[in-house]
Structure formats: structure tokens, C-alpha cells
Amino acid sequence: MNEKKDINDIRKLVNECIDEGKVEFLTNLIYTFQKNYIEVAELCTEGEYNISWSHKKLLDYITYETN
């Protein structure tokens, strides 16, 4: 994975959306990513996930608290 390329591609997409007035598309994309993240987090923690958890807390819980 090339992180720098990935970030540049995302930056380009964001700028294109803003320039072309596609803020609604960008908003829906971010919303969908967030919703999917929460769904996966809930599945990985068997329903214990709390939206206030940091990503590190989630990873620690998955690593140390689940079997």
C-alpha cells in the first residue's frame, strides 16, 4: 500500500467534488464510510462497541477482550 499516493488520490477526489459542487456526494461518501465502520466495529466486538471509543480502544478491545 502506498499511503502517500492514497492520500493524494483522496485529496484529488475531495477537491474535484468541491470544485464541481458535489458536496452532497462527498457528504454521503463520508456518512457511508462512518456507518460501515460502526457496523464492523459492532460485529467485531459482539455488540459491545461504543461510538465514544477511540480507534485504539476498539483495536485493544478486539485484541484483548474477544476470543
C-alpha atoms as a PDB file:
ATOM      1  CA  MET A   1       0.000   0.000   0.000  1.00  0.00           C
ATOM      2  CA  ASN A   2       1.351   3.394  -0.950  1.00  0.00           C
ATOM      3  CA  GLU A   3      -0.063   5.706   1.732  1.00  0.00           C
ATOM      4  CA  LYS A   4       1.179   8.919   0.114  1.00  0.00           C
ATOM      5  CA  LYS A   5      -0.452   8.000  -3.226  1.00  0.00           C
ATOM      6  CA  ASP A   6      -3.678   7.020  -1.469  1.00  0.00           C
ATOM      7  CA  ILE A   7      -3.835  10.338   0.390  1.00  0.00           C
ATOM      8  CA  ASN A   8      -3.122  12.261  -2.801  1.00  0.00           C
ATOM      9  CA  ASP A   9      -5.883  10.363  -4.632  1.00  0.00           C
ATOM     10  CA  ILE A  10      -8.338  11.153  -1.836  1.00  0.00           C
ATOM     11  CA  ARG A  11      -7.277  14.813  -1.811  1.00  0.00           C
ATOM     12  CA  LYS A  12      -7.821  14.959  -5.577  1.00  0.00           C
ATOM     13  CA  LEU A  13     -11.314  13.445  -5.222  1.00  0.00           C
ATOM     14  CA  VAL A  14     -12.237  15.899  -2.445  1.00  0.00           C
ATOM     15  CA  ASN A  15     -11.011  18.872  -4.472  1.00  0.00           C
ATOM     16  CA  GLU A  16     -12.908  17.688  -7.566  1.00  0.00           C
ATOM     17  CA  CYS A  17     -16.101  17.304  -5.554  1.00  0.00           C
ATOM     18  CA  ILE A  18     -15.749  20.786  -4.105  1.00  0.00           C
ATOM     19  CA  ASP A  19     -14.854  22.361  -7.459  1.00  0.00           C
ATOM     20  CA  GLU A  20     -17.786  20.665  -9.196  1.00  0.00           C
ATOM     21  CA  GLY A  21     -20.282  21.408  -6.421  1.00  0.00           C
ATOM     22  CA  LYS A  22     -20.652  17.753  -5.446  1.00  0.00           C
ATOM     23  CA  VAL A  23     -20.571  18.335  -1.719  1.00  0.00           C
ATOM     24  CA  GLU A  24     -23.664  16.143  -1.284  1.00  0.00           C
ATOM     25  CA  PHE A  25     -21.805  13.217  -2.897  1.00  0.00           C
ATOM     26  CA  LEU A  26     -18.850  13.773  -0.576  1.00  0.00           C
ATOM     27  CA  THR A  27     -21.143  14.003   2.450  1.00  0.00           C
ATOM     28  CA  ASN A  28     -22.856  10.735   1.533  1.00  0.00           C
ATOM     29  CA  LEU A  29     -19.499   9.043   0.992  1.00  0.00           C
ATOM     30  CA  ILE A  30     -18.225  10.075   4.435  1.00  0.00           C
ATOM     31  CA  TYR A  31     -21.522   9.065   6.040  1.00  0.00           C
ATOM     32  CA  THR A  32     -21.394   5.634   4.398  1.00  0.00           C
ATOM     33  CA  PHE A  33     -17.793   5.065   5.497  1.00  0.00           C
ATOM     34  CA  GLN A  34     -18.675   6.006   9.063  1.00  0.00           C
ATOM     35  CA  LYS A  35     -21.770   3.798   9.085  1.00  0.00           C
ATOM     36  CA  ASN A  36     -19.789   0.840   7.725  1.00  0.00           C
ATOM     37  CA  TYR A  37     -17.008   1.370  10.279  1.00  0.00           C
ATOM     38  CA  ILE A  38     -19.528   1.327  13.132  1.00  0.00           C
ATOM     39  CA  GLU A  39     -21.210  -1.782  11.755  1.00  0.00           C
ATOM     40  CA  VAL A  40     -17.890  -3.653  11.504  1.00  0.00           C
ATOM     41  CA  ALA A  41     -16.869  -2.432  14.975  1.00  0.00           C
ATOM     42  CA  GLU A  42     -20.126  -3.702  16.450  1.00  0.00           C
ATOM     43  CA  LEU A  43     -19.702  -7.068  14.752  1.00  0.00           C
ATOM     44  CA  CYS A  44     -16.076  -7.413  15.882  1.00  0.00           C
ATOM     45  CA  THR A  45     -16.970  -6.622  19.487  1.00  0.00           C
ATOM     46  CA  GLU A  46     -20.167  -8.668  19.529  1.00  0.00           C
ATOM     47  CA  GLY A  47     -22.241  -5.562  20.202  1.00  0.00           C
ATOM     48  CA  GLU A  48     -20.018  -4.069  22.901  1.00  0.00           C
ATOM     49  CA  TYR A  49     -18.670  -1.234  20.748  1.00  0.00           C
ATOM     50  CA  ASN A  50     -19.478   2.263  21.933  1.00  0.00           C
ATOM     51  CA  ILE A  51     -19.279   5.139  19.447  1.00  0.00           C
ATOM     52  CA  SER A  52     -17.276   7.158  22.008  1.00  0.00           C
ATOM     53  CA  TRP A  53     -14.387   4.673  21.799  1.00  0.00           C
ATOM     54  CA  SER A  54     -11.199   5.761  20.076  1.00  0.00           C
ATOM     55  CA  HIS A  55      -9.889   3.597  17.254  1.00  0.00           C
ATOM     56  CA  LYS A  56      -7.099   2.440  19.582  1.00  0.00           C
ATOM     57  CA  LYS A  57      -9.642   1.387  22.214  1.00  0.00           C
ATOM     58  CA  LEU A  58     -11.528  -0.574  19.573  1.00  0.00           C
ATOM     59  CA  LEU A  59      -8.359  -2.335  18.422  1.00  0.00           C
ATOM     60  CA  ASP A  60      -7.345  -3.069  22.020  1.00  0.00           C
ATOM     61  CA  TYR A  61     -10.783  -4.494  22.763  1.00  0.00           C
ATOM     62  CA  ILE A  62     -10.687  -6.720  19.678  1.00  0.00           C
ATOM     63  CA  THR A  63      -7.138  -7.840  20.525  1.00  0.00           C
ATOM     64  CA  TYR A  64      -7.514  -8.477  24.256  1.00  0.00           C
ATOM     65  CA  GLU A  65     -11.210  -8.903  25.065  1.00  0.00           C
ATOM     66  CA  THR A  66     -12.600 -11.093  22.290  1.00  0.00           C
ATOM     67  CA  ASN A  67     -11.876 -14.753  21.729  1.00  0.00           C
END
